[in-house]
PDB file of N, CA and C in Angstrom:
ATOM      1  N   MET A   1     205.513  26.636 177.989  1.00  0.00           N
ATOM      2  CA  MET A   1     205.117  25.516 177.144  1.00  0.00           C
ATOM      3  C   MET A   1     206.261  25.262 176.167  1.00  0.00           C
ATOM      4  N   SER A   2     206.583  23.997 175.961  1.00  0.00           N
ATOM      5  CA  SER A   2     207.687  23.649 175.082  1.00  0.00           C
ATOM      6  C   SER A   2     207.338  23.907 173.620  1.00  0.00           C
ATOM      7  N   LEU A   3     208.371  24.032 172.811  1.00  0.00           N
ATOM      8  CA  LEU A   3     208.175  24.225 171.383  1.00  0.00           C
ATOM      9  C   LEU A   3     207.457  23.031 170.775  1.00  0.00           C
ATOM     10  N   ALA A   4     207.813  21.826 171.212  1.00  0.00           N
ATOM     11  CA  ALA A   4     207.170  20.611 170.680  1.00  0.00           C
ATOM     12  C   ALA A   4     205.678  20.604 170.988  1.00  0.00           C
ATOM     13  N   ALA A   5     205.312  20.966 172.217  1.00  0.00           N
ATOM     14  CA  ALA A   5     203.892  21.013 172.589  1.00  0.00           C
ATOM     15  C   ALA A   5     203.166  22.073 171.784  1.00  0.00           C
ATOM     16  N   THR A   6     203.785  23.218 171.650  1.00  0.00           N
ATOM     17  CA  THR A   6     203.167  24.306 170.880  1.00  0.00           C
ATOM     18  C   THR A   6     202.930  23.879 169.437  1.00  0.00           C
ATOM     19  N   LEU A   7     203.932  23.282 168.807  1.00  0.00           N
ATOM     20  CA  LEU A   7     203.789  22.836 167.419  1.00  0.00           C
ATOM     21  C   LEU A   7     202.711  21.766 167.286  1.00  0.00           C
ATOM     22  N   ALA A   8     202.684  20.823 168.224  1.00  0.00           N
ATOM     23  CA  ALA A   8     201.676  19.760 168.175  1.00  0.00           C
ATOM     24  C   ALA A   8     200.269  20.335 168.326  1.00  0.00           C
ATOM     25  N   ILE A   9     200.102  21.276 169.214  1.00  0.00           N
ATOM     26  CA  ILE A   9     198.792  21.909 169.413  1.00  0.00           C
ATOM     27  C   ILE A   9     198.394  22.692 168.164  1.00  0.00           C
ATOM     28  N   LEU A  10     199.351  23.387 167.571  1.00  0.00           N
ATOM     29  CA  LEU A  10     199.054  24.127 166.341  1.00  0.00           C
ATOM     30  C   LEU A  10     198.656  23.185 165.206  1.00  0.00           C
ATOM     31  N   ILE A  11     199.277  22.027 165.132  1.00  0.00           N
ATOM     32  CA  ILE A  11     198.901  21.039 164.112  1.00  0.00           C
ATOM     33  C   ILE A  11     197.471  20.567 164.335  1.00  0.00           C
ATOM     34  N   VAL A  12     197.117  20.295 165.587  1.00  0.00           N
ATOM     35  CA  VAL A  12     195.744  19.883 165.898  1.00  0.00           C
ATOM     36  C   VAL A  12     194.757  21.000 165.530  1.00  0.00           C
ATOM     37  N   ALA A  13     195.123  22.244 165.835  1.00  0.00           N
ATOM     38  CA  ALA A  13     194.260  23.379 165.477  1.00  0.00           C
ATOM     39  C   ALA A  13     194.097  23.467 163.956  1.00  0.00           C
ATOM     40  N   LEU A  14     195.172  23.294 163.218  1.00  0.00           N
ATOM     41  CA  LEU A  14     195.100  23.342 161.756  1.00  0.00           C
ATOM     42  C   LEU A  14     194.237  22.205 161.205  1.00  0.00           C
ATOM     43  N   LEU A  15     194.362  21.029 161.803  1.00  0.00           N
ATOM     44  CA  LEU A  15     193.496  19.920 161.392  1.00  0.00           C
ATOM     45  C   LEU A  15     192.030  20.304 161.550  1.00  0.00           C
ATOM     46  N   HIS A  16     191.701  20.925 162.670  1.00  0.00           N
ATOM     47  CA  HIS A  16     190.304  21.278 162.921  1.00  0.00           C
ATOM     48  C   HIS A  16     189.825  22.422 162.032  1.00  0.00           C
ATOM     49  N   LEU A  17     190.723  23.302 161.651  1.00  0.00           N
ATOM     50  CA  LEU A  17     190.350  24.310 160.654  1.00  0.00           C
ATOM     51  C   LEU A  17     190.095  23.639 159.306  1.00  0.00           C
ATOM     52  N   GLY A  18     190.878  22.610 159.002  1.00  0.00           N
ATOM     53  CA  GLY A  18     190.641  21.832 157.785  1.00  0.00           C
ATOM     54  C   GLY A  18     189.299  21.118 157.828  1.00  0.00           C
ATOM     55  N   PHE A  19     188.965  20.549 158.973  1.00  0.00           N
ATOM     56  CA  PHE A  19     187.658  19.893 159.123  1.00  0.00           C
ATOM     57  C   PHE A  19     186.541  20.908 158.919  1.00  0.00           C
ATOM     58  N   LEU A  20     186.734  22.127 159.455  1.00  0.00           N
ATOM     59  CA  LEU A  20     185.740  23.183 159.273  1.00  0.00           C
ATOM     60  C   LEU A  20     185.504  23.427 157.782  1.00  0.00           C
ATOM     61  N   VAL A  21     186.565  23.593 157.034  1.00  0.00           N
ATOM     62  CA  VAL A  21     186.441  23.868 155.596  1.00  0.00           C
ATOM     63  C   VAL A  21     185.750  22.703 154.890  1.00  0.00           C
ATOM     64  N   LEU A  22     186.190  21.488 155.187  1.00  0.00           N
ATOM     65  CA  LEU A  22     185.586  20.309 154.548  1.00  0.00           C
ATOM     66  C   LEU A  22     184.100  20.197 154.856  1.00  0.00           C
ATOM     67  N   GLU A  23     183.738  20.379 156.116  1.00  0.00           N
ATOM     68  CA  GLU A  23     182.350  20.151 156.519  1.00  0.00           C
ATOM     69  C   GLU A  23     181.430  21.324 156.201  1.00  0.00           C
ATOM     70  N   MET A  24     181.955  22.534 156.232  1.00  0.00           N
ATOM     71  CA  MET A  24     181.099  23.694 155.984  1.00  0.00           C
ATOM     72  C   MET A  24     181.015  24.070 154.508  1.00  0.00           C
ATOM     73  N   PHE A  25     182.103  23.862 153.773  1.00  0.00           N
ATOM     74  CA  PHE A  25     182.151  24.388 152.412  1.00  0.00           C
ATOM     75  C   PHE A  25     182.361  23.338 151.319  1.00  0.00           C
ATOM     76  N   LEU A  26     182.921  22.199 151.666  1.00  0.00           N
ATOM     77  CA  LEU A  26     183.242  21.207 150.638  1.00  0.00           C
ATOM     78  C   LEU A  26     182.458  19.904 150.779  1.00  0.00           C
ATOM     79  N   TRP A  27     181.507  19.863 151.680  1.00  0.00           N
ATOM     80  CA  TRP A  27     180.766  18.650 152.004  1.00  0.00           C
ATOM     81  C   TRP A  27     180.171  17.966 150.772  1.00  0.00           C
ATOM     82  N   ASP A  28     179.557  18.754 149.886  1.00  0.00           N
ATOM     83  CA  ASP A  28     178.863  18.172 148.738  1.00  0.00           C
ATOM     84  C   ASP A  28     179.624  18.352 147.417  1.00  0.00           C
ATOM     85  N   THR A  29     180.925  18.649 147.514  1.00  0.00           N
ATOM     86  CA  THR A  29     181.761  18.747 146.321  1.00  0.00           C
ATOM     87  C   THR A  29     182.389  17.383 146.037  1.00  0.00           C
ATOM     88  N   LYS A  30     183.050  17.266 144.897  1.00  0.00           N
ATOM     89  CA  LYS A  30     183.714  15.998 144.563  1.00  0.00           C
ATOM     90  C   LYS A  30     184.705  15.586 145.655  1.00  0.00           C
ATOM     91  N   LEU A  31     185.471  16.541 146.138  1.00  0.00           N
ATOM     92  CA  LEU A  31     186.442  16.245 147.192  1.00  0.00           C
ATOM     93  C   LEU A  31     185.742  15.778 148.461  1.00  0.00           C
ATOM     94  N   GLY A  32     184.726  16.503 148.877  1.00  0.00           N
ATOM     95  CA  GLY A  32     183.994  16.124 150.088  1.00  0.00           C
ATOM     96  C   GLY A  32     183.334  14.767 149.963  1.00  0.00           C
ATOM     97  N   LEU A  33     182.731  14.494 148.812  1.00  0.00           N
ATOM     98  CA  LEU A  33     182.087  13.196 148.595  1.00  0.00           C
ATOM     99  C   LEU A  33     183.114  12.069 148.671  1.00  0.00           C
ATOM    100  N   ARG A  34     184.288  12.307 148.098  1.00  0.00           N
ATOM    101  CA  ARG A  34     185.330  11.274 148.116  1.00  0.00           C
ATOM    102  C   ARG A  34     185.875  11.052 149.521  1.00  0.00           C
ATOM    103  N   ILE A  35     186.162  12.132 150.236  1.00  0.00           N
ATOM    104  CA  ILE A  35     186.739  12.006 151.579  1.00  0.00           C
ATOM    105  C   ILE A  35     185.770  11.331 152.544  1.00  0.00           C
ATOM    106  N   PHE A  36     184.499  11.729 152.484  1.00  0.00           N
ATOM    107  CA  PHE A  36     183.531  11.208 153.447  1.00  0.00           C
ATOM    108  C   PHE A  36     182.761   9.995 152.940  1.00  0.00           C
ATOM    109  N   GLY A  37     182.929   9.656 151.668  1.00  0.00           N
ATOM    110  CA  GLY A  37     182.288   8.466 151.125  1.00  0.00           C
ATOM    111  C   GLY A  37     180.782   8.556 151.025  1.00  0.00           C
ATOM    112  N   HIS A  38     180.262   9.753 150.786  1.00  0.00           N
ATOM    113  CA  HIS A  38     178.820   9.957 150.678  1.00  0.00           C
ATOM    114  C   HIS A  38     178.383  10.007 149.221  1.00  0.00           C
ATOM    115  N   SER A  39     177.124   9.718 149.014  1.00  0.00           N
ATOM    116  CA  SER A  39     176.521   9.962 147.703  1.00  0.00           C
ATOM    117  C   SER A  39     176.102  11.425 147.646  1.00  0.00           C
ATOM    118  N   LYS A  40     175.842  11.935 146.452  1.00  0.00           N
ATOM    119  CA  LYS A  40     175.368  13.316 146.309  1.00  0.00           C
ATOM    120  C   LYS A  40     174.068  13.520 147.080  1.00  0.00           C
ATOM    121  N   GLU A  41     173.209  12.514 147.021  1.00  0.00           N
ATOM    122  CA  GLU A  41     171.915  12.609 147.714  1.00  0.00           C
ATOM    123  C   GLU A  41     172.108  12.690 149.222  1.00  0.00           C
ATOM    124  N   ASN A  42     172.952  11.820 149.741  1.00  0.00           N
ATOM    125  CA  ASN A  42     173.213  11.822 151.179  1.00  0.00           C
ATOM    126  C   ASN A  42     173.861  13.134 151.608  1.00  0.00           C
ATOM    127  N   ALA A  43     174.814  13.607 150.825  1.00  0.00           N
ATOM    128  CA  ALA A  43     175.485  14.864 151.156  1.00  0.00           C
ATOM    129  C   ALA A  43     174.494  16.018 151.148  1.00  0.00           C
ATOM    130  N   ALA A  44     173.575  16.020 150.194  1.00  0.00           N
ATOM    131  CA  ALA A  44     172.580  17.092 150.125  1.00  0.00           C
ATOM    132  C   ALA A  44     171.667  17.078 151.344  1.00  0.00           C
ATOM    133  N   SER A  45     171.297  15.893 151.780  1.00  0.00           N
ATOM    134  CA  SER A  45     170.364  15.811 152.908  1.00  0.00           C
ATOM    135  C   SER A  45     171.039  16.041 154.264  1.00  0.00           C
ATOM    136  N   THR A  46     172.363  15.970 154.316  1.00  0.00           N
ATOM    137  CA  THR A  46     173.076  16.159 155.583  1.00  0.00           C
ATOM    138  C   THR A  46     173.945  17.418 155.595  1.00  0.00           C
ATOM    139  N   LYS A  47     173.821  18.232 154.572  1.00  0.00           N
ATOM    140  CA  LYS A  47     174.695  19.407 154.430  1.00  0.00           C
ATOM    141  C   LYS A  47     174.600  20.359 155.624  1.00  0.00           C
ATOM    142  N   THR A  48     173.410  20.611 156.121  1.00  0.00           N
ATOM    143  CA  THR A  48     173.244  21.518 157.256  1.00  0.00           C
ATOM    144  C   THR A  48     173.868  20.930 158.523  1.00  0.00           C
ATOM    145  N   LEU A  49     173.680  19.647 158.736  1.00  0.00           N
ATOM    146  CA  LEU A  49     174.301  18.993 159.899  1.00  0.00           C
ATOM    147  C   LEU A  49     175.819  19.048 159.812  1.00  0.00           C
ATOM    148  N   ALA A  50     176.354  18.813 158.617  1.00  0.00           N
ATOM    149  CA  ALA A  50     177.802  18.851 158.430  1.00  0.00           C
ATOM    150  C   ALA A  50     178.336  20.261 158.688  1.00  0.00           C
ATOM    151  N   ALA A  51     177.621  21.271 158.231  1.00  0.00           N
ATOM    152  CA  ALA A  51     178.057  22.650 158.465  1.00  0.00           C
ATOM    153  C   ALA A  51     178.080  22.957 159.962  1.00  0.00           C
ATOM    154  N   ASN A  52     177.102  22.453 160.686  1.00  0.00           N
ATOM    155  CA  ASN A  52     177.064  22.634 162.132  1.00  0.00           C
ATOM    156  C   ASN A  52     178.283  21.966 162.780  1.00  0.00           C
ATOM    157  N   GLN A  53     178.588  20.756 162.339  1.00  0.00           N
ATOM    158  CA  GLN A  53     179.767  20.046 162.829  1.00  0.00           C
ATOM    159  C   GLN A  53     181.035  20.831 162.522  1.00  0.00           C
ATOM    160  N   GLY A  54     181.110  21.373 161.318  1.00  0.00           N
ATOM    161  CA  GLY A  54     182.275  22.162 160.927  1.00  0.00           C
ATOM    162  C   GLY A  54     182.456  23.378 161.810  1.00  0.00           C
ATOM    163  N   LEU A  55     181.353  24.022 162.149  1.00  0.00           N
ATOM    164  CA  LEU A  55     181.421  25.181 163.029  1.00  0.00           C
ATOM    165  C   LEU A  55     182.001  24.797 164.391  1.00  0.00           C
ATOM    166  N   TYR A  56     181.555  23.675 164.934  1.00  0.00           N
ATOM    167  CA  TYR A  56     182.101  23.206 166.209  1.00  0.00           C
ATOM    168  C   TYR A  56     183.597  22.930 166.104  1.00  0.00           C
ATOM    169  N   ASN A  57     184.029  22.363 164.983  1.00  0.00           N
ATOM    170  CA  ASN A  57     185.463  22.132 164.794  1.00  0.00           C
ATOM    171  C   ASN A  57     186.223  23.459 164.762  1.00  0.00           C
ATOM    172  N   GLY A  58     185.600  24.474 164.200  1.00  0.00           N
ATOM    173  CA  GLY A  58     186.212  25.798 164.210  1.00  0.00           C
ATOM    174  C   GLY A  58     186.358  26.351 165.614  1.00  0.00           C
ATOM    175  N   PHE A  59     185.359  26.121 166.460  1.00  0.00           N
ATOM    176  CA  PHE A  59     185.459  26.563 167.849  1.00  0.00           C
ATOM    177  C   PHE A  59     186.590  25.841 168.583  1.00  0.00           C
ATOM    178  N   LEU A  60     186.762  24.544 168.299  1.00  0.00           N
ATOM    179  CA  LEU A  60     187.857  23.800 168.921  1.00  0.00           C
ATOM    180  C   LEU A  60     189.202  24.374 168.490  1.00  0.00           C
ATOM    181  N   ALA A  61     189.337  24.661 167.200  1.00  0.00           N
ATOM    182  CA  ALA A  61     190.578  25.262 166.702  1.00  0.00           C
ATOM    183  C   ALA A  61     190.815  26.627 167.350  1.00  0.00           C
ATOM    184  N   ALA A  62     189.763  27.431 167.443  1.00  0.00           N
ATOM    185  CA  ALA A  62     189.893  28.761 168.051  1.00  0.00           C
ATOM    186  C   ALA A  62     190.341  28.654 169.505  1.00  0.00           C
ATOM    187  N   GLY A  63     189.791  27.695 170.224  1.00  0.00           N
ATOM    188  CA  GLY A  63     190.196  27.500 171.616  1.00  0.00           C
ATOM    189  C   GLY A  63     191.669  27.147 171.738  1.00  0.00           C
ATOM    190  N   LEU A  64     192.136  26.270 170.868  1.00  0.00           N
ATOM    191  CA  LEU A  64     193.555  25.903 170.905  1.00  0.00           C
ATOM    192  C   LEU A  64     194.448  27.085 170.539  1.00  0.00           C
ATOM    193  N   LEU A  65     194.045  27.840 169.536  1.00  0.00           N
ATOM    194  CA  LEU A  65     194.840  29.004 169.139  1.00  0.00           C
ATOM    195  C   LEU A  65     194.865  30.050 170.248  1.00  0.00           C
ATOM    196  N   TRP A  66     193.749  30.211 170.934  1.00  0.00           N
ATOM    197  CA  TRP A  66     193.687  31.109 172.091  1.00  0.00           C
ATOM    198  C   TRP A  66     194.666  30.643 173.165  1.00  0.00           C
ATOM    199  N   GLY A  67     194.618  29.345 173.483  1.00  0.00           N
ATOM    200  CA  GLY A  67     195.512  28.811 174.506  1.00  0.00           C
ATOM    201  C   GLY A  67     196.976  28.990 174.138  1.00  0.00           C
ATOM    202  N   VAL A  68     197.319  28.709 172.892  1.00  0.00           N
ATOM    203  CA  VAL A  68     198.708  28.860 172.443  1.00  0.00           C
ATOM    204  C   VAL A  68     199.137  30.323 172.510  1.00  0.00           C
ATOM    205  N   SER A  69     198.234  31.227 172.163  1.00  0.00           N
ATOM    206  CA  SER A  69     198.580  32.659 172.164  1.00  0.00           C
ATOM    207  C   SER A  69     198.935  33.163 173.555  1.00  0.00           C
ATOM    208  N   LEU A  70     198.469  32.479 174.587  1.00  0.00           N
ATOM    209  CA  LEU A  70     198.745  32.891 175.964  1.00  0.00           C
ATOM    210  C   LEU A  70     200.038  32.305 176.515  1.00  0.00           C
ATOM    211  N   GLY A  71     200.684  31.446 175.746  1.00  0.00           N
ATOM    212  CA  GLY A  71     201.920  30.819 176.210  1.00  0.00           C
ATOM    213  C   GLY A  71     201.649  29.905 177.390  1.00  0.00           C
ATOM    214  N   ALA A  72     202.514  29.958 178.387  1.00  0.00           N
ATOM    215  CA  ALA A  72     202.387  29.084 179.557  1.00  0.00           C
ATOM    216  C   ALA A  72     201.076  29.324 180.303  1.00  0.00           C
ATOM    217  N   GLU A  73     200.561  30.548 180.257  1.00  0.00           N
ATOM    218  CA  GLU A  73     199.303  30.857 180.941  1.00  0.00           C
ATOM    219  C   GLU A  73     198.102  30.191 180.272  1.00  0.00           C
ATOM    220  N   GLY A  74     198.295  29.692 179.067  1.00  0.00           N
ATOM    221  CA  GLY A  74     197.212  29.027 178.351  1.00  0.00           C
ATOM    222  C   GLY A  74     197.143  27.535 178.589  1.00  0.00           C
ATOM    223  N   PHE A  75     197.907  27.046 179.551  1.00  0.00           N
ATOM    224  CA  PHE A  75     197.964  25.604 179.819  1.00  0.00           C
ATOM    225  C   PHE A  75     196.572  24.998 180.030  1.00  0.00           C
ATOM    226  N   ALA A  76     195.793  25.580 180.927  1.00  0.00           N
ATOM    227  CA  ALA A  76     194.471  25.020 181.260  1.00  0.00           C
ATOM    228  C   ALA A  76     193.530  25.071 180.060  1.00  0.00           C
ATOM    229  N   ILE A  77     193.635  26.119 179.263  1.00  0.00           N
ATOM    230  CA  ILE A  77     192.791  26.234 178.068  1.00  0.00           C
ATOM    231  C   ILE A  77     193.145  25.138 177.075  1.00  0.00           C
ATOM    232  N   ASN A  78     194.437  24.957 176.828  1.00  0.00           N
ATOM    233  CA  ASN A  78     194.862  23.891 175.915  1.00  0.00           C
ATOM    234  C   ASN A  78     194.479  22.514 176.447  1.00  0.00           C
ATOM    235  N   LEU A  79     194.628  22.326 177.733  1.00  0.00           N
ATOM    236  CA  LEU A  79     194.253  21.058 178.356  1.00  0.00           C
ATOM    237  C   LEU A  79     192.768  20.771 178.115  1.00  0.00           C
ATOM    238  N   PHE A  80     191.930  21.756 178.358  1.00  0.00           N
ATOM    239  CA  PHE A  80     190.497  21.592 178.185  1.00  0.00           C
ATOM    240  C   PHE A  80     190.144  21.248 176.742  1.00  0.00           C
ATOM    241  N   PHE A  81     190.633  22.049 175.786  1.00  0.00           N
ATOM    242  CA  PHE A  81     190.254  21.824 174.395  1.00  0.00           C
ATOM    243  C   PHE A  81     190.833  20.523 173.841  1.00  0.00           C
ATOM    244  N   LEU A  82     192.040  20.157 174.232  1.00  0.00           N
ATOM    245  CA  LEU A  82     192.590  18.871 173.784  1.00  0.00           C
ATOM    246  C   LEU A  82     191.767  17.705 174.340  1.00  0.00           C
ATOM    247  N   CYS A  83     191.345  17.803 175.585  1.00  0.00           N
ATOM    248  CA  CYS A  83     190.494  16.746 176.161  1.00  0.00           C
ATOM    249  C   CYS A  83     189.159  16.664 175.427  1.00  0.00           C
ATOM    250  N   CYS A  84     188.583  17.814 175.091  1.00  0.00           N
ATOM    251  CA  CYS A  84     187.332  17.816 174.314  1.00  0.00           C
ATOM    252  C   CYS A  84     187.534  17.106 172.977  1.00  0.00           C
ATOM    253  N   ILE A  85     188.636  17.382 172.313  1.00  0.00           N
ATOM    254  CA  ILE A  85     188.914  16.778 171.012  1.00  0.00           C
ATOM    255  C   ILE A  85     189.131  15.274 171.146  1.00  0.00           C
ATOM    256  N   ILE A  86     189.828  14.864 172.177  1.00  0.00           N
ATOM    257  CA  ILE A  86     190.052  13.429 172.400  1.00  0.00           C
ATOM    258  C   ILE A  86     188.726  12.711 172.624  1.00  0.00           C
ATOM    259  N   ILE A  87     187.869  13.287 173.433  1.00  0.00           N
ATOM    260  CA  ILE A  87     186.549  12.689 173.684  1.00  0.00           C
ATOM    261  C   ILE A  87     185.745  12.634 172.396  1.00  0.00           C
ATOM    262  N   ALA A  88     185.769  13.709 171.615  1.00  0.00           N
ATOM    263  CA  ALA A  88     185.052  13.718 170.334  1.00  0.00           C
ATOM    264  C   ALA A  88     185.617  12.656 169.386  1.00  0.00           C
ATOM    265  N   GLY A  89     186.931  12.495 169.376  1.00  0.00           N
ATOM    266  CA  GLY A  89     187.548  11.476 168.536  1.00  0.00           C
ATOM    267  C   GLY A  89     187.158  10.068 168.946  1.00  0.00           C
ATOM    268  N   LEU A  90     187.111   9.826 170.242  1.00  0.00           N
ATOM    269  CA  LEU A  90     186.685   8.510 170.737  1.00  0.00           C
ATOM    270  C   LEU A  90     185.218   8.253 170.411  1.00  0.00           C
ATOM    271  N   PHE A  91     184.387   9.258 170.622  1.00  0.00           N
ATOM    272  CA  PHE A  91     182.962   9.106 170.323  1.00  0.00           C
ATOM    273  C   PHE A  91     182.743   8.871 168.831  1.00  0.00           C
ATOM    274  N   GLY A  92     183.441   9.623 168.013  1.00  0.00           N
ATOM    275  CA  GLY A  92     183.336   9.442 166.569  1.00  0.00           C
ATOM    276  C   GLY A  92     183.787   8.057 166.139  1.00  0.00           C
ATOM    277  N   ALA A  93     184.837   7.557 166.757  1.00  0.00           N
ATOM    278  CA  ALA A  93     185.325   6.215 166.430  1.00  0.00           C
ATOM    279  C   ALA A  93     184.307   5.148 166.805  1.00  0.00           C
ATOM    280  N   LEU A  94     183.626   5.347 167.919  1.00  0.00           N
ATOM    281  CA  LEU A  94     182.631   4.375 168.374  1.00  0.00           C
ATOM    282  C   LEU A  94     181.332   4.434 167.588  1.00  0.00           C
ATOM    283  N   THR A  95     180.981   5.624 167.105  1.00  0.00           N
ATOM    284  CA  THR A  95     179.668   5.794 166.487  1.00  0.00           C
ATOM    285  C   THR A  95     179.690   5.927 164.969  1.00  0.00           C
ATOM    286  N   VAL A  96     180.812   6.338 164.395  1.00  0.00           N
ATOM    287  CA  VAL A  96     180.845   6.595 162.950  1.00  0.00           C
ATOM    288  C   VAL A  96     181.900   5.748 162.259  1.00  0.00           C
ATOM    289  N   SER A  97     183.170   5.988 162.581  1.00  0.00           N
ATOM    290  CA  SER A  97     184.268   5.285 161.911  1.00  0.00           C
ATOM    291  C   SER A  97     185.512   5.337 162.783  1.00  0.00           C
ATOM    292  N   LYS A  98     186.223   4.238 162.838  1.00  0.00           N
ATOM    293  CA  LYS A  98     187.458   4.178 163.624  1.00  0.00           C
ATOM    294  C   LYS A  98     188.516   5.139 163.090  1.00  0.00           C
ATOM    295  N   ILE A  99     188.418   5.501 161.838  1.00  0.00           N
ATOM    296  CA  ILE A  99     189.371   6.441 161.232  1.00  0.00           C
ATOM    297  C   ILE A  99     189.356   7.773 161.973  1.00  0.00           C
ATOM    298  N   ILE A 100     188.208   8.159 162.496  1.00  0.00           N
ATOM    299  CA  ILE A 100     188.095   9.432 163.211  1.00  0.00           C
ATOM    300  C   ILE A 100     189.060   9.475 164.386  1.00  0.00           C
ATOM    301  N   PHE A 101     189.238   8.356 165.061  1.00  0.00           N
ATOM    302  CA  PHE A 101     190.174   8.334 166.185  1.00  0.00           C
ATOM    303  C   PHE A 101     191.588   8.660 165.705  1.00  0.00           C
ATOM    304  N   TYR A 102     191.988   8.074 164.586  1.00  0.00           N
ATOM    305  CA  TYR A 102     193.351   8.282 164.098  1.00  0.00           C
ATOM    306  C   TYR A 102     193.570   9.691 163.554  1.00  0.00           C
ATOM    307  N   VAL A 103     192.539  10.271 162.945  1.00  0.00           N
ATOM    308  CA  VAL A 103     192.667  11.597 162.347  1.00  0.00           C
ATOM    309  C   VAL A 103     192.469  12.704 163.374  1.00  0.00           C
ATOM    310  N   GLN A 104     191.571  12.483 164.339  1.00  0.00           N
ATOM    311  CA  GLN A 104     191.233  13.522 165.303  1.00  0.00           C
ATOM    312  C   GLN A 104     191.781  13.227 166.695  1.00  0.00           C
ATOM    313  N   GLY A 105     191.521  12.044 167.197  1.00  0.00           N
ATOM    314  CA  GLY A 105     191.881  11.727 168.578  1.00  0.00           C
ATOM    315  C   GLY A 105     193.365  11.540 168.815  1.00  0.00           C
ATOM    316  N   LEU A 106     194.027  10.782 167.966  1.00  0.00           N
ATOM    317  CA  LEU A 106     195.442  10.479 168.177  1.00  0.00           C
ATOM    318  C   LEU A 106     196.331  11.720 168.144  1.00  0.00           C
ATOM    319  N   PRO A 107     196.173  12.623 167.159  1.00  0.00           N
ATOM    320  CA  PRO A 107     196.996  13.840 167.219  1.00  0.00           C
ATOM    321  C   PRO A 107     196.766  14.652 168.503  1.00  0.00           C
ATOM    322  N   ALA A 108     195.521  14.698 168.972  1.00  0.00           N
ATOM    323  CA  ALA A 108     195.229  15.429 170.205  1.00  0.00           C
ATOM    324  C   ALA A 108     195.860  14.735 171.415  1.00  0.00           C
ATOM    325  N   ILE A 109     195.861  13.413 171.421  1.00  0.00           N
ATOM    326  CA  ILE A 109     196.509  12.683 172.524  1.00  0.00           C
ATOM    327  C   ILE A 109     198.004  12.989 172.542  1.00  0.00           C
ATOM    328  N   LEU A 110     198.635  12.971 171.385  1.00  0.00           N
ATOM    329  CA  LEU A 110     200.071  13.270 171.320  1.00  0.00           C
ATOM    330  C   LEU A 110     200.349  14.702 171.784  1.00  0.00           C
ATOM    331  N   ALA A 111     199.512  15.641 171.349  1.00  0.00           N
ATOM    332  CA  ALA A 111     199.683  17.032 171.784  1.00  0.00           C
ATOM    333  C   ALA A 111     199.477  17.156 173.289  1.00  0.00           C
ATOM    334  N   LEU A 112     198.491  16.439 173.819  1.00  0.00           N
ATOM    335  CA  LEU A 112     198.235  16.474 175.260  1.00  0.00           C
ATOM    336  C   LEU A 112     199.427  15.931 176.048  1.00  0.00           C
ATOM    337  N   LEU A 113     199.986  14.837 175.587  1.00  0.00           N
ATOM    338  CA  LEU A 113     201.152  14.267 176.260  1.00  0.00           C
ATOM    339  C   LEU A 113     202.315  15.249 176.267  1.00  0.00           C
ATOM    340  N   LEU A 114     202.549  15.886 175.132  1.00  0.00           N
ATOM    341  CA  LEU A 114     203.629  16.882 175.075  1.00  0.00           C
ATOM    342  C   LEU A 114     203.337  18.069 175.981  1.00  0.00           C
ATOM    343  N   LEU A 115     202.077  18.474 176.043  1.00  0.00           N
ATOM    344  CA  LEU A 115     201.687  19.573 176.933  1.00  0.00           C
ATOM    345  C   LEU A 115     201.937  19.199 178.394  1.00  0.00           C
ATOM    346  N   LEU A 116     201.557  17.988 178.749  1.00  0.00           N
ATOM    347  CA  LEU A 116     201.711  17.551 180.145  1.00  0.00           C
ATOM    348  C   LEU A 116     203.177  17.367 180.538  1.00  0.00           C
ATOM    349  N   LEU A 117     204.028  17.128 179.562  1.00  0.00           N
ATOM    350  CA  LEU A 117     205.461  16.961 179.844  1.00  0.00           C
ATOM    351  C   LEU A 117     206.197  18.289 180.007  1.00  0.00           C
ATOM    352  N   THR A 118     205.491  19.405 179.752  1.00  0.00           N
ATOM    353  CA  THR A 118     206.168  20.717 179.867  1.00  0.00           C
ATOM    354  C   THR A 118     206.098  21.250 181.267  1.00  0.00           C
TER     355      THR A 118
END
């Protein structure tokens, strides 16, 4: 796997670890309210759902880190998790906000392209 692909995949993994922190621990804080545009009431009523979402983002990051740790042998693992992230980004863009595609889907697409070019 090329250095560029590895770095791009690591960036996507770090993004998803950031999403985990935001959704699991900062959802109802000032930062979380500002980033997600929720009211305190809305954040309180959706906190458990957000934590669940954050956990899934952590699993996506873990999968990418696992794939990267295997080097070239992790190709199929990285391919799978990047495709999952791209699909999640597209679904989020269609159902929640187009910004999700740019924050989640586009970095994964770029990482996937670099992976496929190796």
